[in-house]
Amino acid sequence: MAGEAKIVVEVCYIAPQIQFLRSVQVAPSSTVQQAIEFSGLLAEVPELAMDSLKTGIYSRLKELNTVVRHGDRIEIYRPLQVDPMTARRARANKKR
């Protein structure tokens, strides 16, 4: 609907070489996926693939089809380099 009010959400993605934080206005019924697409993140970081993204809102994992609310911060998470349990075991073995 053309006269529908918009809500504002932030999309953020942090990597060693890029810091992406953008506020976007979307329709109230928009999903996480739609907000990410509208933000332009995928154009700026072409190595990201929408179907493999891990996303969250304020540090809580959310699916791409989650409806966003005004003021939400959508976070795109990078894959872990090392499993935390493996790293912990390696540190413990190193101390012995």
PDB file of N, CA and C in Angstrom:
ATOM      1  N   MET A   1       0.829  -1.167   0.000  1.00  0.00           N
ATOM      2  CA  MET A   1       0.000   0.000   0.000  1.00  0.00           C
ATOM      3  C   MET A   1       0.882   1.241   0.000  1.00  0.00           C
ATOM      4  N   ALA A   2       0.602   2.160  -0.877  1.00  0.00           N
ATOM      5  CA  ALA A   2       1.449   3.328  -1.043  1.00  0.00           C
ATOM      6  C   ALA A   2       1.436   4.233   0.180  1.00  0.00           C
ATOM      7  N   GLY A   3       0.290   4.373   0.875  1.00  0.00           N
ATOM      8  CA  GLY A   3       0.193   5.269   1.999  1.00  0.00           C
ATOM      9  C   GLY A   3       0.576   4.640   3.333  1.00  0.00           C
ATOM     10  N   GLU A   4       1.050   3.398   3.307  1.00  0.00           N
ATOM     11  CA  GLU A   4       1.378   2.681   4.525  1.00  0.00           C
ATOM     12  C   GLU A   4       2.594   3.309   5.212  1.00  0.00           C
ATOM     13  N   ALA A   5       2.510   3.499   6.520  1.00  0.00           N
ATOM     14  CA  ALA A   5       3.623   4.055   7.285  1.00  0.00           C
ATOM     15  C   ALA A   5       4.798   3.077   7.260  1.00  0.00           C
ATOM     16  N   LYS A   6       5.989   3.618   7.379  1.00  0.00           N
ATOM     17  CA  LYS A   6       7.197   2.795   7.375  1.00  0.00           C
ATOM     18  C   LYS A   6       7.740   2.678   8.790  1.00  0.00           C
ATOM     19  N   ILE A   7       8.505   1.624   9.025  1.00  0.00           N
ATOM     20  CA  ILE A   7       9.231   1.465  10.281  1.00  0.00           C
ATOM     21  C   ILE A   7      10.722   1.499   9.958  1.00  0.00           C
ATOM     22  N   VAL A   8      11.528   1.802  10.952  1.00  0.00           N
ATOM     23  CA  VAL A   8      12.971   1.891  10.762  1.00  0.00           C
ATOM     24  C   VAL A   8      13.640   0.742  11.499  1.00  0.00           C
ATOM     25  N   VAL A   9      14.509   0.030  10.781  1.00  0.00           N
ATOM     26  CA  VAL A   9      15.325  -1.033  11.373  1.00  0.00           C
ATOM     27  C   VAL A   9      16.766  -0.821  10.935  1.00  0.00           C
ATOM     28  N   GLU A  10      17.698  -1.414  11.671  1.00  0.00           N
ATOM     29  CA  GLU A  10      19.108  -1.360  11.298  1.00  0.00           C
ATOM     30  C   GLU A  10      19.553  -2.737  10.847  1.00  0.00           C
ATOM     31  N   VAL A  11      20.430  -2.755   9.854  1.00  0.00           N
ATOM     32  CA  VAL A  11      21.040  -3.996   9.384  1.00  0.00           C
ATOM     33  C   VAL A  11      22.532  -3.848   9.623  1.00  0.00           C
ATOM     34  N   CYS A  12      23.136  -4.817  10.327  1.00  0.00           N
ATOM     35  CA  CYS A  12      24.572  -4.705  10.574  1.00  0.00           C
ATOM     36  C   CYS A  12      25.283  -6.034  10.294  1.00  0.00           C
ATOM     37  N   TYR A  13      26.490  -5.859   9.779  1.00  0.00           N
ATOM     38  CA  TYR A  13      27.371  -6.991   9.492  1.00  0.00           C
ATOM     39  C   TYR A  13      28.798  -6.509   9.715  1.00  0.00           C
ATOM     40  N   ILE A  14      29.558  -7.236  10.497  1.00  0.00           N
ATOM     41  CA  ILE A  14      30.932  -6.865  10.802  1.00  0.00           C
ATOM     42  C   ILE A  14      31.844  -8.017  10.404  1.00  0.00           C
ATOM     43  N   ALA A  15      32.887  -7.684   9.669  1.00  0.00           N
ATOM     44  CA  ALA A  15      33.919  -8.640   9.281  1.00  0.00           C
ATOM     45  C   ALA A  15      35.258  -7.917   9.412  1.00  0.00           C
ATOM     46  N   PRO A  16      36.375  -8.626   9.336  1.00  0.00           N
ATOM     47  CA  PRO A  16      37.666  -7.957   9.502  1.00  0.00           C
ATOM     48  C   PRO A  16      37.874  -6.758   8.552  1.00  0.00           C
ATOM     49  N   GLN A  17      37.380  -6.834   7.337  1.00  0.00           N
ATOM     50  CA  GLN A  17      37.622  -5.771   6.371  1.00  0.00           C
ATOM     51  C   GLN A  17      36.422  -4.863   6.115  1.00  0.00           C
ATOM     52  N   ILE A  18      35.281  -5.143   6.736  1.00  0.00           N
ATOM     53  CA  ILE A  18      34.084  -4.343   6.456  1.00  0.00           C
ATOM     54  C   ILE A  18      33.260  -4.159   7.724  1.00  0.00           C
ATOM     55  N   GLN A  19      32.722  -2.957   7.854  1.00  0.00           N
ATOM     56  CA  GLN A  19      31.767  -2.658   8.907  1.00  0.00           C
ATOM     57  C   GLN A  19      30.547  -2.064   8.219  1.00  0.00           C
ATOM     58  N   PHE A  20      29.468  -2.800   8.219  1.00  0.00           N
ATOM     59  CA  PHE A  20      28.243  -2.382   7.532  1.00  0.00           C
ATOM     60  C   PHE A  20      27.165  -2.151   8.577  1.00  0.00           C
ATOM     61  N   LEU A  21      26.671  -0.935   8.662  1.00  0.00           N
ATOM     62  CA  LEU A  21      25.572  -0.597   9.552  1.00  0.00           C
ATOM     63  C   LEU A  21      24.712   0.418   8.817  1.00  0.00           C
ATOM     64  N   ARG A  22      23.495   0.015   8.520  1.00  0.00           N
ATOM     65  CA  ARG A  22      22.618   0.882   7.741  1.00  0.00           C
ATOM     66  C   ARG A  22      21.207   0.834   8.301  1.00  0.00           C
ATOM     67  N   SER A  23      20.625   2.017   8.487  1.00  0.00           N
ATOM     68  CA  SER A  23      19.216   2.129   8.862  1.00  0.00           C
ATOM     69  C   SER A  23      18.387   2.137   7.592  1.00  0.00           C
ATOM     70  N   VAL A  24      17.326   1.364   7.594  1.00  0.00           N
ATOM     71  CA  VAL A  24      16.449   1.306   6.424  1.00  0.00           C
ATOM     72  C   VAL A  24      15.000   1.443   6.871  1.00  0.00           C
ATOM     73  N   GLN A  25      14.197   2.011   5.998  1.00  0.00           N
ATOM     74  CA  GLN A  25      12.763   2.114   6.238  1.00  0.00           C
ATOM     75  C   GLN A  25      12.078   1.016   5.434  1.00  0.00           C
ATOM     76  N   VAL A  26      11.267   0.235   6.129  1.00  0.00           N
ATOM     77  CA  VAL A  26      10.565  -0.880   5.486  1.00  0.00           C
ATOM     78  C   VAL A  26       9.102  -0.860   5.918  1.00  0.00           C
ATOM     79  N   ALA A  27       8.288  -1.594   5.218  1.00  0.00           N
ATOM     80  CA  ALA A  27       6.875  -1.730   5.577  1.00  0.00           C
ATOM     81  C   ALA A  27       6.759  -2.507   6.895  1.00  0.00           C
ATOM     82  N   PRO A  28       5.738  -2.238   7.695  1.00  0.00           N
ATOM     83  CA  PRO A  28       5.589  -2.919   8.983  1.00  0.00           C
ATOM     84  C   PRO A  28       5.522  -4.442   8.901  1.00  0.00           C
ATOM     85  N   SER A  29       5.114  -5.001   7.793  1.00  0.00           N
ATOM     86  CA  SER A  29       5.007  -6.455   7.667  1.00  0.00           C
ATOM     87  C   SER A  29       6.253  -7.081   7.030  1.00  0.00           C
ATOM     88  N   SER A  30       7.347  -6.333   6.937  1.00  0.00           N
ATOM     89  CA  SER A  30       8.569  -6.837   6.293  1.00  0.00           C
ATOM     90  C   SER A  30       9.263  -7.880   7.155  1.00  0.00           C
ATOM     91  N   THR A  31       9.988  -8.752   6.478  1.00  0.00           N
ATOM     92  CA  THR A  31      10.740  -9.802   7.162  1.00  0.00           C
ATOM     93  C   THR A  31      12.210  -9.426   7.261  1.00  0.00           C
ATOM     94  N   VAL A  32      12.952 -10.212   8.024  1.00  0.00           N
ATOM     95  CA  VAL A  32      14.395 -10.023   8.143  1.00  0.00           C
ATOM     96  C   VAL A  32      15.027 -10.076   6.752  1.00  0.00           C
ATOM     97  N   GLN A  33      14.641 -11.053   5.949  1.00  0.00           N
ATOM     98  CA  GLN A  33      15.201 -11.197   4.605  1.00  0.00           C
ATOM     99  C   GLN A  33      14.931  -9.957   3.754  1.00  0.00           C
ATOM    100  N   GLN A  34      13.731  -9.440   3.790  1.00  0.00           N
ATOM    101  CA  GLN A  34      13.398  -8.266   2.993  1.00  0.00           C
ATOM    102  C   GLN A  34      14.200  -7.047   3.439  1.00  0.00           C
ATOM    103  N   ALA A  35      14.392  -6.887   4.743  1.00  0.00           N
ATOM    104  CA  ALA A  35      15.174  -5.757   5.251  1.00  0.00           C
ATOM    105  C   ALA A  35      16.633  -5.869   4.810  1.00  0.00           C
ATOM    106  N   ILE A  36      17.193  -7.079   4.845  1.00  0.00           N
ATOM    107  CA  ILE A  36      18.576  -7.278   4.403  1.00  0.00           C
ATOM    108  C   ILE A  36      18.706  -6.958   2.920  1.00  0.00           C
ATOM    109  N   GLU A  37      17.782  -7.455   2.112  1.00  0.00           N
ATOM    110  CA  GLU A  37      17.818  -7.182   0.671  1.00  0.00           C
ATOM    111  C   GLU A  37      17.706  -5.683   0.401  1.00  0.00           C
ATOM    112  N   PHE A  38      16.822  -5.005   1.108  1.00  0.00           N
ATOM    113  CA  PHE A  38      16.600  -3.576   0.901  1.00  0.00           C
ATOM    114  C   PHE A  38      17.801  -2.741   1.345  1.00  0.00           C
ATOM    115  N   SER A  39      18.574  -3.236   2.318  1.00  0.00           N
ATOM    116  CA  SER A  39      19.712  -2.477   2.847  1.00  0.00           C
ATOM    117  C   SER A  39      20.865  -2.345   1.855  1.00  0.00           C
ATOM    118  N   GLY A  40      20.954  -3.255   0.895  1.00  0.00           N
ATOM    119  CA  GLY A  40      22.056  -3.231  -0.057  1.00  0.00           C
ATOM    120  C   GLY A  40      23.280  -4.003   0.403  1.00  0.00           C
ATOM    121  N   LEU A  41      23.184  -4.705   1.511  1.00  0.00           N
ATOM    122  CA  LEU A  41      24.323  -5.464   2.034  1.00  0.00           C
ATOM    123  C   LEU A  41      24.840  -6.488   1.033  1.00  0.00           C
ATOM    124  N   LEU A  42      23.944  -7.219   0.400  1.00  0.00           N
ATOM    125  CA  LEU A  42      24.365  -8.280  -0.514  1.00  0.00           C
ATOM    126  C   LEU A  42      25.089  -7.728  -1.733  1.00  0.00           C
ATOM    127  N   ALA A  43      24.795  -6.499  -2.125  1.00  0.00           N
ATOM    128  CA  ALA A  43      25.507  -5.867  -3.237  1.00  0.00           C
ATOM    129  C   ALA A  43      26.901  -5.420  -2.799  1.00  0.00           C
ATOM    130  N   GLU A  44      27.027  -4.967  -1.561  1.00  0.00           N
ATOM    131  CA  GLU A  44      28.317  -4.508  -1.056  1.00  0.00           C
ATOM    132  C   GLU A  44      29.238  -5.652  -0.647  1.00  0.00           C
ATOM    133  N   VAL A  45      28.652  -6.753  -0.214  1.00  0.00           N
ATOM    134  CA  VAL A  45      29.439  -7.916   0.218  1.00  0.00           C
ATOM    135  C   VAL A  45      28.944  -9.119  -0.585  1.00  0.00           C
ATOM    136  N   PRO A  46      29.379  -9.241  -1.847  1.00  0.00           N
ATOM    137  CA  PRO A  46      28.836 -10.278  -2.737  1.00  0.00           C
ATOM    138  C   PRO A  46      29.139 -11.717  -2.309  1.00  0.00           C
ATOM    139  N   GLU A  47      30.115 -11.920  -1.420  1.00  0.00           N
ATOM    140  CA  GLU A  47      30.413 -13.288  -0.997  1.00  0.00           C
ATOM    141  C   GLU A  47      29.360 -13.848  -0.037  1.00  0.00           C
ATOM    142  N   LEU A  48      28.476 -12.997   0.463  1.00  0.00           N
ATOM    143  CA  LEU A  48      27.384 -13.475   1.313  1.00  0.00           C
ATOM    144  C   LEU A  48      26.264 -14.044   0.447  1.00  0.00           C
ATOM    145  N   ALA A  49      25.739 -15.166   0.865  1.00  0.00           N
ATOM    146  CA  ALA A  49      24.616 -15.782   0.163  1.00  0.00           C
ATOM    147  C   ALA A  49      23.425 -15.815   1.108  1.00  0.00           C
ATOM    148  N   MET A  50      22.316 -15.269   0.660  1.00  0.00           N
ATOM    149  CA  MET A  50      21.138 -15.140   1.518  1.00  0.00           C
ATOM    150  C   MET A  50      20.717 -16.467   2.136  1.00  0.00           C
ATOM    151  N   ASP A  51      20.782 -17.547   1.368  1.00  0.00           N
ATOM    152  CA  ASP A  51      20.302 -18.841   1.869  1.00  0.00           C
ATOM    153  C   ASP A  51      21.193 -19.455   2.941  1.00  0.00           C
ATOM    154  N   SER A  52      22.403 -18.936   3.126  1.00  0.00           N
ATOM    155  CA  SER A  52      23.293 -19.505   4.137  1.00  0.00           C
ATOM    156  C   SER A  52      23.557 -18.557   5.305  1.00  0.00           C
ATOM    157  N   LEU A  53      22.836 -17.439   5.371  1.00  0.00           N
ATOM    158  CA  LEU A  53      23.072 -16.468   6.435  1.00  0.00           C
ATOM    159  C   LEU A  53      22.500 -16.936   7.776  1.00  0.00           C
ATOM    160  N   LYS A  54      23.246 -16.701   8.829  1.00  0.00           N
ATOM    161  CA  LYS A  54      22.754 -16.846  10.200  1.00  0.00           C
ATOM    162  C   LYS A  54      22.420 -15.439  10.651  1.00  0.00           C
ATOM    163  N   THR A  55      21.183 -15.220  11.057  1.00  0.00           N
ATOM    164  CA  THR A  55      20.753 -13.879  11.421  1.00  0.00           C
ATOM    165  C   THR A  55      20.138 -13.860  12.807  1.00  0.00           C
ATOM    166  N   GLY A  56      20.099 -12.653  13.376  1.00  0.00           N
ATOM    167  CA  GLY A  56      19.477 -12.482  14.675  1.00  0.00           C
ATOM    168  C   GLY A  56      18.993 -11.058  14.829  1.00  0.00           C
ATOM    169  N   ILE A  57      18.220 -10.854  15.864  1.00  0.00           N
ATOM    170  CA  ILE A  57      17.783  -9.521  16.245  1.00  0.00           C
ATOM    171  C   ILE A  57      18.214  -9.345  17.697  1.00  0.00           C
ATOM    172  N   TYR A  58      19.059  -8.361  17.924  1.00  0.00           N
ATOM    173  CA  TYR A  58      19.607  -8.111  19.260  1.00  0.00           C
ATOM    174  C   TYR A  58      20.155  -9.385  19.892  1.00  0.00           C
ATOM    175  N   SER A  59      21.036 -10.053  19.185  1.00  0.00           N
ATOM    176  CA  SER A  59      21.778 -11.230  19.662  1.00  0.00           C
ATOM    177  C   SER A  59      20.934 -12.477  19.881  1.00  0.00           C
ATOM    178  N   ARG A  60      19.720 -12.498  19.393  1.00  0.00           N
ATOM    179  CA  ARG A  60      18.891 -13.701  19.470  1.00  0.00           C
ATOM    180  C   ARG A  60      18.670 -14.222  18.061  1.00  0.00           C
ATOM    181  N   LEU A  61      19.032 -15.475  17.839  1.00  0.00           N
ATOM    182  CA  LEU A  61      18.890 -16.051  16.499  1.00  0.00           C
ATOM    183  C   LEU A  61      17.456 -15.956  16.011  1.00  0.00           C
ATOM    184  N   LYS A  62      17.305 -15.540  14.748  1.00  0.00           N
ATOM    185  CA  LYS A  62      15.992 -15.426  14.122  1.00  0.00           C
ATOM    186  C   LYS A  62      16.074 -15.978  12.706  1.00  0.00           C
ATOM    187  N   GLU A  63      14.973 -16.505  12.237  1.00  0.00           N
ATOM    188  CA  GLU A  63      14.879 -17.010  10.870  1.00  0.00           C
ATOM    189  C   GLU A  63      14.706 -15.834   9.913  1.00  0.00           C
ATOM    190  N   LEU A  64      15.004 -16.064   8.644  1.00  0.00           N
ATOM    191  CA  LEU A  64      14.853 -15.018   7.626  1.00  0.00           C
ATOM    192  C   LEU A  64      13.405 -14.579   7.445  1.00  0.00           C
ATOM    193  N   ASN A  65      12.451 -15.425   7.798  1.00  0.00           N
ATOM    194  CA  ASN A  65      11.041 -15.077   7.606  1.00  0.00           C
ATOM    195  C   ASN A  65      10.417 -14.397   8.831  1.00  0.00           C
ATOM    196  N   THR A  66      11.232 -14.037   9.832  1.00  0.00           N
ATOM    197  CA  THR A  66      10.744 -13.335  11.019  1.00  0.00           C
ATOM    198  C   THR A  66      10.331 -11.911  10.645  1.00  0.00           C
ATOM    199  N   VAL A  67       9.176 -11.498  11.083  1.00  0.00           N
ATOM    200  CA  VAL A  67       8.699 -10.133  10.825  1.00  0.00           C
ATOM    201  C   VAL A  67       9.429  -9.182  11.771  1.00  0.00           C
ATOM    202  N   VAL A  68       9.948  -8.082  11.214  1.00  0.00           N
ATOM    203  CA  VAL A  68      10.694  -7.107  12.011  1.00  0.00           C
ATOM    204  C   VAL A  68       9.753  -6.075  12.621  1.00  0.00           C
ATOM    205  N   ARG A  69      10.247  -5.442  13.689  1.00  0.00           N
ATOM    206  CA  ARG A  69       9.500  -4.376  14.348  1.00  0.00           C
ATOM    207  C   ARG A  69      10.342  -3.109  14.350  1.00  0.00           C
ATOM    208  N   HIS A  70       9.682  -1.990  14.544  1.00  0.00           N
ATOM    209  CA  HIS A  70      10.374  -0.700  14.566  1.00  0.00           C
ATOM    210  C   HIS A  70      11.499  -0.727  15.599  1.00  0.00           C
ATOM    211  N   GLY A  71      12.685  -0.300  15.192  1.00  0.00           N
ATOM    212  CA  GLY A  71      13.826  -0.223  16.093  1.00  0.00           C
ATOM    213  C   GLY A  71      14.662  -1.479  16.182  1.00  0.00           C
ATOM    214  N   ASP A  72      14.275  -2.556  15.502  1.00  0.00           N
ATOM    215  CA  ASP A  72      15.065  -3.791  15.537  1.00  0.00           C
ATOM    216  C   ASP A  72      16.436  -3.580  14.913  1.00  0.00           C
ATOM    217  N   ARG A  73      17.439  -4.267  15.461  1.00  0.00           N
ATOM    218  CA  ARG A  73      18.767  -4.300  14.849  1.00  0.00           C
ATOM    219  C   ARG A  73      18.980  -5.719  14.337  1.00  0.00           C
ATOM    220  N   ILE A  74      18.996  -5.855  13.032  1.00  0.00           N
ATOM    221  CA  ILE A  74      19.187  -7.161  12.398  1.00  0.00           C
ATOM    222  C   ILE A  74      20.683  -7.393  12.273  1.00  0.00           C
ATOM    223  N   GLU A  75      21.148  -8.494  12.815  1.00  0.00           N
ATOM    224  CA  GLU A  75      22.567  -8.815  12.806  1.00  0.00           C
ATOM    225  C   GLU A  75      22.810 -10.032  11.927  1.00  0.00           C
ATOM    226  N   ILE A  76      23.842  -9.954  11.109  1.00  0.00           N
ATOM    227  CA  ILE A  76      24.243 -11.082  10.272  1.00  0.00           C
ATOM    228  C   ILE A  76      25.527 -11.630  10.886  1.00  0.00           C
ATOM    229  N   TYR A  77      25.518 -12.905  11.242  1.00  0.00           N
ATOM    230  CA  TYR A  77      26.641 -13.520  11.937  1.00  0.00           C
ATOM    231  C   TYR A  77      27.544 -14.277  10.973  1.00  0.00           C
ATOM    232  N   ARG A  78      28.843 -14.143  11.204  1.00  0.00           N
ATOM    233  CA  ARG A  78      29.833 -14.897  10.430  1.00  0.00           C
ATOM    234  C   ARG A  78      29.988 -16.285  11.046  1.00  0.00           C
ATOM    235  N   PRO A  79      30.399 -17.263  10.245  1.00  0.00           N
ATOM    236  CA  PRO A  79      30.625 -18.603  10.815  1.00  0.00           C
ATOM    237  C   PRO A  79      31.827 -18.574  11.759  1.00  0.00           C
ATOM    238  N   LEU A  80      31.785 -19.428  12.771  1.00  0.00           N
ATOM    239  CA  LEU A  80      32.902 -19.517  13.708  1.00  0.00           C
ATOM    240  C   LEU A  80      34.128 -20.079  13.004  1.00  0.00           C
ATOM    241  N   GLN A  81      35.290 -19.537  13.334  1.00  0.00           N
ATOM    242  CA  GLN A  81      36.545 -20.045  12.768  1.00  0.00           C
ATOM    243  C   GLN A  81      36.955 -21.345  13.465  1.00  0.00           C
ATOM    244  N   VAL A  82      36.688 -21.404  14.786  1.00  0.00           N
ATOM    245  CA  VAL A  82      37.053 -22.570  15.587  1.00  0.00           C
ATOM    246  C   VAL A  82      35.891 -22.871  16.520  1.00  0.00           C
ATOM    247  N   ASP A  83      35.587 -24.140  16.683  1.00  0.00           N
ATOM    248  CA  ASP A  83      34.557 -24.547  17.630  1.00  0.00           C
ATOM    249  C   ASP A  83      35.004 -24.147  19.039  1.00  0.00           C
ATOM    250  N   PRO A  84      34.158 -23.456  19.814  1.00  0.00           N
ATOM    251  CA  PRO A  84      34.560 -23.004  21.152  1.00  0.00           C
ATOM    252  C   PRO A  84      35.025 -24.128  22.075  1.00  0.00           C
ATOM    253  N   MET A  85      34.377 -25.283  22.001  1.00  0.00           N
ATOM    254  CA  MET A  85      34.803 -26.406  22.863  1.00  0.00           C
ATOM    255  C   MET A  85      36.187 -26.913  22.459  1.00  0.00           C
ATOM    256  N   THR A  86      36.458 -26.970  21.178  1.00  0.00           N
ATOM    257  CA  THR A  86      37.768 -27.402  20.705  1.00  0.00           C
ATOM    258  C   THR A  86      38.843 -26.428  21.166  1.00  0.00           C
ATOM    259  N   ALA A  87      38.568 -25.136  21.061  1.00  0.00           N
ATOM    260  CA  ALA A  87      39.527 -24.123  21.486  1.00  0.00           C
ATOM    261  C   ALA A  87      39.784 -24.214  22.990  1.00  0.00           C
ATOM    262  N   ARG A  88      38.741 -24.444  23.755  1.00  0.00           N
ATOM    263  CA  ARG A  88      38.881 -24.562  25.211  1.00  0.00           C
ATOM    264  C   ARG A  88      39.731 -25.774  25.576  1.00  0.00           C
ATOM    265  N   ARG A  89      39.484 -26.889  24.913  1.00  0.00           N
ATOM    266  CA  ARG A  89      40.282 -28.095  25.184  1.00  0.00           C
ATOM    267  C   ARG A  89      41.754 -27.868  24.833  1.00  0.00           C
ATOM    268  N   ALA A  90      41.995 -27.178  23.714  1.00  0.00           N
ATOM    269  CA  ALA A  90      43.373 -26.909  23.300  1.00  0.00           C
ATOM    270  C   ALA A  90      44.079 -26.028  24.332  1.00  0.00           C
ATOM    271  N   ARG A  91      43.382 -25.032  24.874  1.00  0.00           N
ATOM    272  CA  ARG A  91      43.988 -24.170  25.899  1.00  0.00           C
ATOM    273  C   ARG A  91      44.260 -24.962  27.173  1.00  0.00           C
ATOM    274  N   ALA A  92      43.329 -25.840  27.540  1.00  0.00           N
ATOM    275  CA  ALA A  92      43.503 -26.639  28.749  1.00  0.00           C
ATOM    276  C   ALA A  92      44.685 -27.604  28.592  1.00  0.00           C
ATOM    277  N   ASN A  93      44.821 -28.215  27.429  1.00  0.00           N
ATOM    278  CA  ASN A  93      45.933 -29.136  27.184  1.00  0.00           C
ATOM    279  C   ASN A  93      47.260 -28.397  27.153  1.00  0.00           C
ATOM    280  N   LYS A  94      47.250 -27.169  26.708  1.00  0.00           N
ATOM    281  CA  LYS A  94      48.474 -26.369  26.626  1.00  0.00           C
ATOM    282  C   LYS A  94      48.989 -26.034  28.021  1.00  0.00           C
ATOM    283  N   LYS A  95      48.074 -25.849  28.974  1.00  0.00           N
ATOM    284  CA  LYS A  95      48.464 -25.507  30.346  1.00  0.00           C
ATOM    285  C   LYS A  95      49.065 -26.677  31.082  1.00  0.00           C
ATOM    286  N   ARG A  96      48.755 -27.907  30.671  1.00  0.00           N
ATOM    287  CA  ARG A  96      49.271 -29.114  31.364  1.00  0.00           C
ATOM    288  C   ARG A  96      50.713 -29.335  31.122  1.00  0.00           C
TER     289      ARG A  96
END
